[in-house]
Every structure is written in C-alpha cells, then in structure tokens.
Amino acid sequence: MQTNEALVLNSNEPLSKAMHKILDSGLAVVIVKDGDYLGIIDDRNISFGISDPSKVKCETATTQAPCLLDTSSMQDKLNAFLSGHFKSLPVKEADTKVFKIITRVDL
C-alpha cells in the first residue's frame, strides 16, 4: 500500500506554511504540539475568512483526525476513514515520530 511523505509542522507555525504545501501536493499536513500528534490540516478545513494566514497559527485550523499506525489492519484503516470526511490520514511508524500520509485512493 502506497504512503506519501508527510510534512510535519509545529502547532505554532504560521498557517501560510501549511497552505503552501496543501495547495502544492493536495495532501494533508500533520500538526504536532510539543512533539505529540495534534491533528491535520487539509484543503477542507482551511478557513477562507482568514485574511492573513501568515499571522494565524496552524493550531487554529487543525482538525483532530485519527492517526493510524503502520501496523494497523486494513479494517482499522477503513474504519478511520469512515469516522469522518477525511481524504487523507497520517500514518505513524511504530516507536518513532516519523509520519507518512495515506489517502483514501491509496487505501
């Protein structure tokens, strides 16, 4: 099953940094706070009411989404996608802080 490299940003980084990556790749960006998974930002949860994304922190636009493990079963992965309207979800490599992204199409 194909996974993609994930851009991981800290929750206090500017939203403009995440928006650039999302628009280029079409994939979600993984957001961490103090090294722990916080959520994702994708094209569906970027608020168009933000006038200056360089002054807004990523934490503001983060959606709490399931984080899969690379050892998760196919059923667990399907259930995670069905738990919300997610186009992509993070996959964490066990015992590391390395994240990848998997899309519904990849699954």
PDB file of N, CA and C in Angstrom:
ATOM      1  N   MET A   1       0.837  -1.166   0.000  1.00  0.00           N
ATOM      2  CA  MET A   1       0.000   0.000   0.000  1.00  0.00           C
ATOM      3  C   MET A   1       0.889   1.238   0.000  1.00  0.00           C
ATOM      4  N   GLN A   2       0.578   2.157  -0.860  1.00  0.00           N
ATOM      5  CA  GLN A   2       1.379   3.354  -1.025  1.00  0.00           C
ATOM      6  C   GLN A   2       1.117   4.371   0.082  1.00  0.00           C
ATOM      7  N   THR A   3       2.176   4.957   0.597  1.00  0.00           N
ATOM      8  CA  THR A   3       2.063   6.094   1.507  1.00  0.00           C
ATOM      9  C   THR A   3       2.925   7.213   0.938  1.00  0.00           C
ATOM     10  N   ASN A   4       2.668   8.415   1.374  1.00  0.00           N
ATOM     11  CA  ASN A   4       3.401   9.586   0.904  1.00  0.00           C
ATOM     12  C   ASN A   4       4.146  10.216   2.065  1.00  0.00           C
ATOM     13  N   GLU A   5       5.225  10.910   1.752  1.00  0.00           N
ATOM     14  CA  GLU A   5       5.941  11.654   2.781  1.00  0.00           C
ATOM     15  C   GLU A   5       5.018  12.715   3.356  1.00  0.00           C
ATOM     16  N   ALA A   6       5.072  12.906   4.645  1.00  0.00           N
ATOM     17  CA  ALA A   6       4.219  13.890   5.299  1.00  0.00           C
ATOM     18  C   ALA A   6       5.033  15.113   5.695  1.00  0.00           C
ATOM     19  N   LEU A   7       4.434  16.274   5.491  1.00  0.00           N
ATOM     20  CA  LEU A   7       5.013  17.485   6.047  1.00  0.00           C
ATOM     21  C   LEU A   7       4.489  17.594   7.471  1.00  0.00           C
ATOM     22  N   VAL A   8       5.387  17.694   8.422  1.00  0.00           N
ATOM     23  CA  VAL A   8       5.016  17.807   9.832  1.00  0.00           C
ATOM     24  C   VAL A   8       5.392  19.209  10.289  1.00  0.00           C
ATOM     25  N   LEU A   9       4.403  19.931  10.795  1.00  0.00           N
ATOM     26  CA  LEU A   9       4.623  21.290  11.284  1.00  0.00           C
ATOM     27  C   LEU A   9       4.255  21.376  12.756  1.00  0.00           C
ATOM     28  N   ASN A  10       4.906  22.283  13.447  1.00  0.00           N
ATOM     29  CA  ASN A  10       4.580  22.547  14.835  1.00  0.00           C
ATOM     30  C   ASN A  10       3.326  23.406  14.885  1.00  0.00           C
ATOM     31  N   SER A  11       2.542  23.251  15.928  1.00  0.00           N
ATOM     32  CA  SER A  11       1.261  23.942  16.050  1.00  0.00           C
ATOM     33  C   SER A  11       1.396  25.461  16.067  1.00  0.00           C
ATOM     34  N   ASN A  12       2.551  25.984  16.430  1.00  0.00           N
ATOM     35  CA  ASN A  12       2.707  27.435  16.484  1.00  0.00           C
ATOM     36  C   ASN A  12       3.289  28.036  15.205  1.00  0.00           C
ATOM     37  N   GLU A  13       3.505  27.231  14.178  1.00  0.00           N
ATOM     38  CA  GLU A  13       3.993  27.755  12.898  1.00  0.00           C
ATOM     39  C   GLU A  13       2.845  28.426  12.154  1.00  0.00           C
ATOM     40  N   PRO A  14       3.170  29.348  11.233  1.00  0.00           N
ATOM     41  CA  PRO A  14       2.109  30.068  10.523  1.00  0.00           C
ATOM     42  C   PRO A  14       1.317  29.164   9.576  1.00  0.00           C
ATOM     43  N   LEU A  15       0.027  29.411   9.517  1.00  0.00           N
ATOM     44  CA  LEU A  15      -0.868  28.653   8.646  1.00  0.00           C
ATOM     45  C   LEU A  15      -0.450  28.769   7.182  1.00  0.00           C
ATOM     46  N   SER A  16       0.150  29.869   6.802  1.00  0.00           N
ATOM     47  CA  SER A  16       0.580  30.065   5.411  1.00  0.00           C
ATOM     48  C   SER A  16       1.560  28.983   4.964  1.00  0.00           C
ATOM     49  N   LYS A  17       2.386  28.509   5.875  1.00  0.00           N
ATOM     50  CA  LYS A  17       3.341  27.443   5.563  1.00  0.00           C
ATOM     51  C   LYS A  17       2.612  26.145   5.225  1.00  0.00           C
ATOM     52  N   ALA A  18       1.572  25.832   5.979  1.00  0.00           N
ATOM     53  CA  ALA A  18       0.772  24.630   5.714  1.00  0.00           C
ATOM     54  C   ALA A  18      -0.009  24.784   4.415  1.00  0.00           C
ATOM     55  N   MET A  19      -0.586  25.956   4.198  1.00  0.00           N
ATOM     56  CA  MET A  19      -1.403  26.187   2.995  1.00  0.00           C
ATOM     57  C   MET A  19      -0.591  25.981   1.726  1.00  0.00           C
ATOM     58  N   HIS A  20       0.645  26.441   1.734  1.00  0.00           N
ATOM     59  CA  HIS A  20       1.509  26.290   0.561  1.00  0.00           C
ATOM     60  C   HIS A  20       1.685  24.809   0.210  1.00  0.00           C
ATOM     61  N   LYS A  21       1.970  23.988   1.205  1.00  0.00           N
ATOM     62  CA  LYS A  21       2.177  22.554   0.980  1.00  0.00           C
ATOM     63  C   LYS A  21       0.886  21.864   0.539  1.00  0.00           C
ATOM     64  N   ILE A  22      -0.215  22.230   1.158  1.00  0.00           N
ATOM     65  CA  ILE A  22      -1.503  21.617   0.822  1.00  0.00           C
ATOM     66  C   ILE A  22      -1.877  21.922  -0.628  1.00  0.00           C
ATOM     67  N   LEU A  23      -1.697  23.156  -1.035  1.00  0.00           N
ATOM     68  CA  LEU A  23      -2.040  23.545  -2.403  1.00  0.00           C
ATOM     69  C   LEU A  23      -1.120  22.901  -3.426  1.00  0.00           C
ATOM     70  N   ASP A  24       0.152  22.698  -3.077  1.00  0.00           N
ATOM     71  CA  ASP A  24       1.101  22.056  -3.995  1.00  0.00           C
ATOM     72  C   ASP A  24       0.861  20.557  -4.139  1.00  0.00           C
ATOM     73  N   SER A  25       0.607  19.880  -3.025  1.00  0.00           N
ATOM     74  CA  SER A  25       0.544  18.416  -3.049  1.00  0.00           C
ATOM     75  C   SER A  25      -0.870  17.853  -3.023  1.00  0.00           C
ATOM     76  N   GLY A  26      -1.815  18.611  -2.476  1.00  0.00           N
ATOM     77  CA  GLY A  26      -3.170  18.097  -2.307  1.00  0.00           C
ATOM     78  C   GLY A  26      -3.310  17.190  -1.098  1.00  0.00           C
ATOM     79  N   LEU A  27      -2.230  17.035  -0.326  1.00  0.00           N
ATOM     80  CA  LEU A  27      -2.232  16.159   0.840  1.00  0.00           C
ATOM     81  C   LEU A  27      -2.377  16.968   2.118  1.00  0.00           C
ATOM     82  N   ALA A  28      -2.808  16.311   3.156  1.00  0.00           N
ATOM     83  CA  ALA A  28      -2.920  16.943   4.470  1.00  0.00           C
ATOM     84  C   ALA A  28      -1.523  17.173   5.048  1.00  0.00           C
ATOM     85  N   VAL A  29      -1.449  18.112   5.966  1.00  0.00           N
ATOM     86  CA  VAL A  29      -0.232  18.400   6.707  1.00  0.00           C
ATOM     87  C   VAL A  29      -0.463  17.933   8.141  1.00  0.00           C
ATOM     88  N   VAL A  30       0.508  17.249   8.711  1.00  0.00           N
ATOM     89  CA  VAL A  30       0.425  16.743  10.079  1.00  0.00           C
ATOM     90  C   VAL A  30       0.897  17.842  11.032  1.00  0.00           C
ATOM     91  N   ILE A  31       0.110  18.082  12.082  1.00  0.00           N
ATOM     92  CA  ILE A  31       0.443  19.106  13.073  1.00  0.00           C
ATOM     93  C   ILE A  31       0.760  18.433  14.408  1.00  0.00           C
ATOM     94  N   VAL A  32       1.880  18.823  14.996  1.00  0.00           N
ATOM     95  CA  VAL A  32       2.288  18.307  16.298  1.00  0.00           C
ATOM     96  C   VAL A  32       2.414  19.466  17.281  1.00  0.00           C
ATOM     97  N   LYS A  33       2.221  19.149  18.550  1.00  0.00           N
ATOM     98  CA  LYS A  33       2.393  20.139  19.616  1.00  0.00           C
ATOM     99  C   LYS A  33       3.250  19.503  20.689  1.00  0.00           C
ATOM    100  N   ASP A  34       4.366  20.124  20.977  1.00  0.00           N
ATOM    101  CA  ASP A  34       5.330  19.569  21.934  1.00  0.00           C
ATOM    102  C   ASP A  34       5.738  18.149  21.559  1.00  0.00           C
ATOM    103  N   GLY A  35       5.844  17.892  20.260  1.00  0.00           N
ATOM    104  CA  GLY A  35       6.278  16.589  19.762  1.00  0.00           C
ATOM    105  C   GLY A  35       5.192  15.538  19.666  1.00  0.00           C
ATOM    106  N   ASP A  36       3.987  15.821  20.170  1.00  0.00           N
ATOM    107  CA  ASP A  36       2.889  14.856  20.136  1.00  0.00           C
ATOM    108  C   ASP A  36       1.902  15.215  19.026  1.00  0.00           C
ATOM    109  N   TYR A  37       1.315  14.204  18.431  1.00  0.00           N
ATOM    110  CA  TYR A  37       0.349  14.400  17.359  1.00  0.00           C
ATOM    111  C   TYR A  37      -0.846  15.210  17.856  1.00  0.00           C
ATOM    112  N   LEU A  38      -1.215  16.253  17.087  1.00  0.00           N
ATOM    113  CA  LEU A  38      -2.354  17.099  17.433  1.00  0.00           C
ATOM    114  C   LEU A  38      -3.498  16.902  16.444  1.00  0.00           C
ATOM    115  N   GLY A  39      -3.178  16.827  15.154  1.00  0.00           N
ATOM    116  CA  GLY A  39      -4.217  16.678  14.134  1.00  0.00           C
ATOM    117  C   GLY A  39      -3.662  16.967  12.751  1.00  0.00           C
ATOM    118  N   ILE A  40      -4.575  17.246  11.814  1.00  0.00           N
ATOM    119  CA  ILE A  40      -4.163  17.534  10.440  1.00  0.00           C
ATOM    120  C   ILE A  40      -4.817  18.829   9.965  1.00  0.00           C
ATOM    121  N   ILE A  41      -4.236  19.374   8.928  1.00  0.00           N
ATOM    122  CA  ILE A  41      -4.855  20.463   8.184  1.00  0.00           C
ATOM    123  C   ILE A  41      -4.902  20.003   6.743  1.00  0.00           C
ATOM    124  N   ASP A  42      -6.081  20.106   6.129  1.00  0.00           N
ATOM    125  CA  ASP A  42      -6.191  19.802   4.703  1.00  0.00           C
ATOM    126  C   ASP A  42      -7.007  20.894   4.033  1.00  0.00           C
ATOM    127  N   ASP A  43      -7.257  20.725   2.752  1.00  0.00           N
ATOM    128  CA  ASP A  43      -7.952  21.772   1.997  1.00  0.00           C
ATOM    129  C   ASP A  43      -9.392  21.976   2.470  1.00  0.00           C
ATOM    130  N   ARG A  44      -9.940  21.034   3.186  1.00  0.00           N
ATOM    131  CA  ARG A  44     -11.324  21.153   3.647  1.00  0.00           C
ATOM    132  C   ARG A  44     -11.480  21.988   4.911  1.00  0.00           C
ATOM    133  N   ASN A  45     -10.421  22.138   5.673  1.00  0.00           N
ATOM    134  CA  ASN A  45     -10.581  22.868   6.927  1.00  0.00           C
ATOM    135  C   ASN A  45      -9.755  24.146   7.010  1.00  0.00           C
ATOM    136  N   ILE A  46      -9.345  24.648   5.875  1.00  0.00           N
ATOM    137  CA  ILE A  46      -8.712  25.960   5.849  1.00  0.00           C
ATOM    138  C   ILE A  46      -9.830  26.981   5.704  1.00  0.00           C
ATOM    139  N   SER A  47      -9.931  27.848   6.670  1.00  0.00           N
ATOM    140  CA  SER A  47     -10.997  28.847   6.670  1.00  0.00           C
ATOM    141  C   SER A  47     -10.690  29.947   5.664  1.00  0.00           C
ATOM    142  N   PHE A  48     -11.653  30.220   4.821  1.00  0.00           N
ATOM    143  CA  PHE A  48     -11.471  31.277   3.833  1.00  0.00           C
ATOM    144  C   PHE A  48     -11.672  32.656   4.451  1.00  0.00           C
ATOM    145  N   GLY A  49     -12.099  32.731   5.703  1.00  0.00           N
ATOM    146  CA  GLY A  49     -12.292  34.000   6.377  1.00  0.00           C
ATOM    147  C   GLY A  49     -10.999  34.564   6.962  1.00  0.00           C
ATOM    148  N   ILE A  50      -9.905  33.827   6.808  1.00  0.00           N
ATOM    149  CA  ILE A  50      -8.630  34.281   7.345  1.00  0.00           C
ATOM    150  C   ILE A  50      -8.004  35.251   6.360  1.00  0.00           C
ATOM    151  N   SER A  51      -7.819  36.483   6.790  1.00  0.00           N
ATOM    152  CA  SER A  51      -7.297  37.497   5.874  1.00  0.00           C
ATOM    153  C   SER A  51      -5.784  37.434   5.721  1.00  0.00           C
ATOM    154  N   ASP A  52      -5.076  37.020   6.768  1.00  0.00           N
ATOM    155  CA  ASP A  52      -3.617  36.944   6.685  1.00  0.00           C
ATOM    156  C   ASP A  52      -3.129  35.666   7.348  1.00  0.00           C
ATOM    157  N   PRO A  53      -3.003  34.565   6.553  1.00  0.00           N
ATOM    158  CA  PRO A  53      -2.597  33.275   7.132  1.00  0.00           C
ATOM    159  C   PRO A  53      -1.190  33.278   7.716  1.00  0.00           C
ATOM    160  N   SER A  54      -0.395  34.270   7.393  1.00  0.00           N
ATOM    161  CA  SER A  54       0.953  34.331   7.975  1.00  0.00           C
ATOM    162  C   SER A  54       0.911  34.748   9.446  1.00  0.00           C
ATOM    163  N   LYS A  55      -0.238  35.272   9.890  1.00  0.00           N
ATOM    164  CA  LYS A  55      -0.377  35.704  11.277  1.00  0.00           C
ATOM    165  C   LYS A  55      -1.220  34.754  12.120  1.00  0.00           C
ATOM    166  N   VAL A  56      -1.700  33.666  11.511  1.00  0.00           N
ATOM    167  CA  VAL A  56      -2.536  32.683  12.206  1.00  0.00           C
ATOM    168  C   VAL A  56      -1.708  31.416  12.419  1.00  0.00           C
ATOM    169  N   LYS A  57      -1.802  30.850  13.617  1.00  0.00           N
ATOM    170  CA  LYS A  57      -1.062  29.629  13.909  1.00  0.00           C
ATOM    171  C   LYS A  57      -1.782  28.409  13.347  1.00  0.00           C
ATOM    172  N   CYS A  58      -1.015  27.390  12.989  1.00  0.00           N
ATOM    173  CA  CYS A  58      -1.576  26.143  12.454  1.00  0.00           C
ATOM    174  C   CYS A  58      -2.592  25.522  13.406  1.00  0.00           C
ATOM    175  N   GLU A  59      -2.358  25.660  14.695  1.00  0.00           N
ATOM    176  CA  GLU A  59      -3.248  25.059  15.691  1.00  0.00           C
ATOM    177  C   GLU A  59      -4.694  25.515  15.498  1.00  0.00           C
ATOM    178  N   THR A  60      -4.884  26.733  15.026  1.00  0.00           N
ATOM    179  CA  THR A  60      -6.215  27.303  14.827  1.00  0.00           C
ATOM    180  C   THR A  60      -7.026  26.524  13.794  1.00  0.00           C
ATOM    181  N   ALA A  61      -6.377  26.017  12.759  1.00  0.00           N
ATOM    182  CA  ALA A  61      -7.071  25.351  11.657  1.00  0.00           C
ATOM    183  C   ALA A  61      -6.972  23.829  11.717  1.00  0.00           C
ATOM    184  N   THR A  62      -6.422  23.294  12.787  1.00  0.00           N
ATOM    185  CA  THR A  62      -6.201  21.852  12.901  1.00  0.00           C
ATOM    186  C   THR A  62      -7.500  21.107  13.190  1.00  0.00           C
ATOM    187  N   THR A  63      -7.673  19.996  12.493  1.00  0.00           N
ATOM    188  CA  THR A  63      -8.789  19.084  12.739  1.00  0.00           C
ATOM    189  C   THR A  63      -8.238  17.831  13.399  1.00  0.00           C
ATOM    190  N   GLN A  64      -8.887  17.415  14.476  1.00  0.00           N
ATOM    191  CA  GLN A  64      -8.454  16.196  15.142  1.00  0.00           C
ATOM    192  C   GLN A  64      -8.924  15.019  14.296  1.00  0.00           C
ATOM    193  N   ALA A  65      -7.975  14.304  13.748  1.00  0.00           N
ATOM    194  CA  ALA A  65      -8.260  13.157  12.887  1.00  0.00           C
ATOM    195  C   ALA A  65      -7.556  11.934  13.451  1.00  0.00           C
ATOM    196  N   PRO A  66      -8.085  10.753  13.162  1.00  0.00           N
ATOM    197  CA  PRO A  66      -7.409   9.542  13.633  1.00  0.00           C
ATOM    198  C   PRO A  66      -5.989   9.462  13.075  1.00  0.00           C
ATOM    199  N   CYS A  67      -5.095   8.968  13.889  1.00  0.00           N
ATOM    200  CA  CYS A  67      -3.718   8.727  13.452  1.00  0.00           C
ATOM    201  C   CYS A  67      -3.518   7.217  13.430  1.00  0.00           C
ATOM    202  N   LEU A  68      -3.209   6.706  12.279  1.00  0.00           N
ATOM    203  CA  LEU A  68      -3.015   5.268  12.109  1.00  0.00           C
ATOM    204  C   LEU A  68      -1.582   4.877  12.455  1.00  0.00           C
ATOM    205  N   LEU A  69      -1.392   3.638  12.795  1.00  0.00           N
ATOM    206  CA  LEU A  69      -0.050   3.082  12.942  1.00  0.00           C
ATOM    207  C   LEU A  69       0.276   2.299  11.679  1.00  0.00           C
ATOM    208  N   ASP A  70       1.539   2.212  11.352  1.00  0.00           N
ATOM    209  CA  ASP A  70       1.904   1.454  10.151  1.00  0.00           C
ATOM    210  C   ASP A  70       1.542  -0.021  10.291  1.00  0.00           C
ATOM    211  N   THR A  71       1.277  -0.465  11.515  1.00  0.00           N
ATOM    212  CA  THR A  71       0.884  -1.859  11.746  1.00  0.00           C
ATOM    213  C   THR A  71      -0.639  -2.041  11.813  1.00  0.00           C
ATOM    214  N   SER A  72      -1.395  -0.961  11.611  1.00  0.00           N
ATOM    215  CA  SER A  72      -2.861  -1.046  11.655  1.00  0.00           C
ATOM    216  C   SER A  72      -3.379  -1.991  10.578  1.00  0.00           C
ATOM    217  N   SER A  73      -4.435  -2.701  10.919  1.00  0.00           N
ATOM    218  CA  SER A  73      -5.042  -3.618   9.953  1.00  0.00           C
ATOM    219  C   SER A  73      -5.800  -2.827   8.888  1.00  0.00           C
ATOM    220  N   MET A  74      -6.106  -3.489   7.806  1.00  0.00           N
ATOM    221  CA  MET A  74      -6.881  -2.854   6.736  1.00  0.00           C
ATOM    222  C   MET A  74      -8.242  -2.405   7.272  1.00  0.00           C
ATOM    223  N   GLN A  75      -8.855  -3.213   8.121  1.00  0.00           N
ATOM    224  CA  GLN A  75     -10.151  -2.860   8.701  1.00  0.00           C
ATOM    225  C   GLN A  75     -10.048  -1.598   9.552  1.00  0.00           C
ATOM    226  N   ASP A  76      -8.990  -1.493  10.353  1.00  0.00           N
ATOM    227  CA  ASP A  76      -8.780  -0.296  11.168  1.00  0.00           C
ATOM    228  C   ASP A  76      -8.590   0.941  10.303  1.00  0.00           C
ATOM    229  N   LYS A  77      -7.875   0.799   9.220  1.00  0.00           N
ATOM    230  CA  LYS A  77      -7.653   1.926   8.306  1.00  0.00           C
ATOM    231  C   LYS A  77      -8.967   2.355   7.651  1.00  0.00           C
ATOM    232  N   LEU A  78      -9.752   1.378   7.215  1.00  0.00           N
ATOM    233  CA  LEU A  78     -11.052   1.704   6.614  1.00  0.00           C
ATOM    234  C   LEU A  78     -11.958   2.393   7.629  1.00  0.00           C
ATOM    235  N   ASN A  79     -12.009   1.880   8.847  1.00  0.00           N
ATOM    236  CA  ASN A  79     -12.837   2.484   9.893  1.00  0.00           C
ATOM    237  C   ASN A  79     -12.409   3.912  10.203  1.00  0.00           C
ATOM    238  N   ALA A  80     -11.106   4.177  10.180  1.00  0.00           N
ATOM    239  CA  ALA A  80     -10.610   5.530  10.446  1.00  0.00           C
ATOM    240  C   ALA A  80     -11.103   6.504   9.373  1.00  0.00           C
ATOM    241  N   PHE A  81     -11.061   6.090   8.120  1.00  0.00           N
ATOM    242  CA  PHE A  81     -11.549   6.960   7.047  1.00  0.00           C
ATOM    243  C   PHE A  81     -13.059   7.155   7.140  1.00  0.00           C
ATOM    244  N   LEU A  82     -13.760   6.130   7.564  1.00  0.00           N
ATOM    245  CA  LEU A  82     -15.213   6.224   7.673  1.00  0.00           C
ATOM    246  C   LEU A  82     -15.664   7.012   8.900  1.00  0.00           C
ATOM    247  N   SER A  83     -14.754   7.295   9.826  1.00  0.00           N
ATOM    248  CA  SER A  83     -15.117   8.032  11.033  1.00  0.00           C
ATOM    249  C   SER A  83     -15.293   9.533  10.787  1.00  0.00           C
ATOM    250  N   GLY A  84     -14.951   9.980   9.607  1.00  0.00           N
ATOM    251  CA  GLY A  84     -15.091  11.402   9.263  1.00  0.00           C
ATOM    252  C   GLY A  84     -14.941  11.593   7.768  1.00  0.00           C
ATOM    253  N   HIS A  85     -14.953  12.825   7.345  1.00  0.00           N
ATOM    254  CA  HIS A  85     -14.821  13.141   5.919  1.00  0.00           C
ATOM    255  C   HIS A  85     -13.363  13.441   5.591  1.00  0.00           C
ATOM    256  N   PHE A  86     -12.522  12.441   5.740  1.00  0.00           N
ATOM    257  CA  PHE A  86     -11.092  12.618   5.538  1.00  0.00           C
ATOM    258  C   PHE A  86     -10.689  12.119   4.156  1.00  0.00           C
ATOM    259  N   LYS A  87      -9.870  12.922   3.459  1.00  0.00           N
ATOM    260  CA  LYS A  87      -9.302  12.497   2.180  1.00  0.00           C
ATOM    261  C   LYS A  87      -7.947  11.849   2.392  1.00  0.00           C
ATOM    262  N   SER A  88      -7.284  12.212   3.481  1.00  0.00           N
ATOM    263  CA  SER A  88      -6.006  11.610   3.821  1.00  0.00           C
ATOM    264  C   SER A  88      -5.840  11.607   5.335  1.00  0.00           C
ATOM    265  N   LEU A  89      -5.067  10.637   5.809  1.00  0.00           N
ATOM    266  CA  LEU A  89      -4.830  10.492   7.253  1.00  0.00           C
ATOM    267  C   LEU A  89      -3.343  10.219   7.500  1.00  0.00           C
ATOM    268  N   PRO A  90      -2.855  10.616   8.665  1.00  0.00           N
ATOM    269  CA  PRO A  90      -1.461  10.335   8.989  1.00  0.00           C
ATOM    270  C   PRO A  90      -1.268   8.882   9.409  1.00  0.00           C
ATOM    271  N   VAL A  91      -0.100   8.375   9.080  1.00  0.00           N
ATOM    272  CA  VAL A  91       0.309   7.032   9.496  1.00  0.00           C
ATOM    273  C   VAL A  91       1.631   7.201  10.228  1.00  0.00           C
ATOM    274  N   LYS A  92       1.665   6.745  11.477  1.00  0.00           N
ATOM    275  CA  LYS A  92       2.876   6.883  12.278  1.00  0.00           C
ATOM    276  C   LYS A  92       3.612   5.552  12.308  1.00  0.00           C
ATOM    277  N   GLU A  93       4.897   5.631  12.079  1.00  0.00           N
ATOM    278  CA  GLU A  93       5.717   4.433  12.197  1.00  0.00           C
ATOM    279  C   GLU A  93       5.879   4.121  13.683  1.00  0.00           C
ATOM    280  N   ALA A  94       5.642   2.883  14.050  1.00  0.00           N
ATOM    281  CA  ALA A  94       5.682   2.463  15.460  1.00  0.00           C
ATOM    282  C   ALA A  94       7.015   2.822  16.110  1.00  0.00           C
ATOM    283  N   ASP A  95       6.935   3.298  17.346  1.00  0.00           N
ATOM    284  CA  ASP A  95       8.103   3.624  18.171  1.00  0.00           C
ATOM    285  C   ASP A  95       8.985   4.729  17.583  1.00  0.00           C
ATOM    286  N   THR A  96       8.434   5.544  16.685  1.00  0.00           N
ATOM    287  CA  THR A  96       9.181   6.675  16.135  1.00  0.00           C
ATOM    288  C   THR A  96       8.259   7.885  16.086  1.00  0.00           C
ATOM    289  N   LYS A  97       8.791   8.986  15.651  1.00  0.00           N
ATOM    290  CA  LYS A  97       7.984  10.185  15.440  1.00  0.00           C
ATOM    291  C   LYS A  97       7.912  10.497  13.948  1.00  0.00           C
ATOM    292  N   VAL A  98       8.062   9.462  13.111  1.00  0.00           N
ATOM    293  CA  VAL A  98       8.021   9.611  11.666  1.00  0.00           C
ATOM    294  C   VAL A  98       6.595   9.403  11.182  1.00  0.00           C
ATOM    295  N   PHE A  99       6.111  10.370  10.416  1.00  0.00           N
ATOM    296  CA  PHE A  99       4.754  10.306   9.883  1.00  0.00           C
ATOM    297  C   PHE A  99       4.780  10.182   8.369  1.00  0.00           C
ATOM    298  N   LYS A 100       3.829   9.457   7.857  1.00  0.00           N
ATOM    299  CA  LYS A 100       3.546   9.373   6.423  1.00  0.00           C
ATOM    300  C   LYS A 100       2.079   9.758   6.267  1.00  0.00           C
ATOM    301  N   ILE A 101       1.635   9.905   5.038  1.00  0.00           N
ATOM    302  CA  ILE A 101       0.235  10.213   4.748  1.00  0.00           C
ATOM    303  C   ILE A 101      -0.307   9.135   3.824  1.00  0.00           C
ATOM    304  N   ILE A 102      -1.504   8.671   4.120  1.00  0.00           N
ATOM    305  CA  ILE A 102      -2.200   7.723   3.237  1.00  0.00           C
ATOM    306  C   ILE A 102      -3.512   8.379   2.810  1.00  0.00           C
ATOM    307  N   THR A 103      -3.864   8.205   1.548  1.00  0.00           N
ATOM    308  CA  THR A 103      -5.116   8.788   1.043  1.00  0.00           C
ATOM    309  C   THR A 103      -6.163   7.686   0.885  1.00  0.00           C
ATOM    310  N   ARG A 104      -7.398   8.101   0.758  1.00  0.00           N
ATOM    311  CA  ARG A 104      -8.469   7.132   0.516  1.00  0.00           C
ATOM    312  C   ARG A 104      -8.202   6.372  -0.774  1.00  0.00           C
ATOM    313  N   VAL A 105      -7.704   7.053  -1.771  1.00  0.00           N
ATOM    314  CA  VAL A 105      -7.405   6.412  -3.058  1.00  0.00           C
ATOM    315  C   VAL A 105      -6.319   5.358  -2.873  1.00  0.00           C
ATOM    316  N   ASP A 106      -5.278   5.678  -2.100  1.00  0.00           N
ATOM    317  CA  ASP A 106      -4.209   4.709  -1.833  1.00  0.00           C
ATOM    318  C   ASP A 106      -4.737   3.477  -1.136  1.00  0.00           C
ATOM    319  N   LEU A 107      -5.675   3.681  -0.221  1.00  0.00           N
ATOM    320  CA  LEU A 107      -6.233   2.572   0.546  1.00  0.00           C
ATOM    321  C   LEU A 107      -7.079   1.687  -0.341  1.00  0.00           C
TER     322      LEU A 107
END
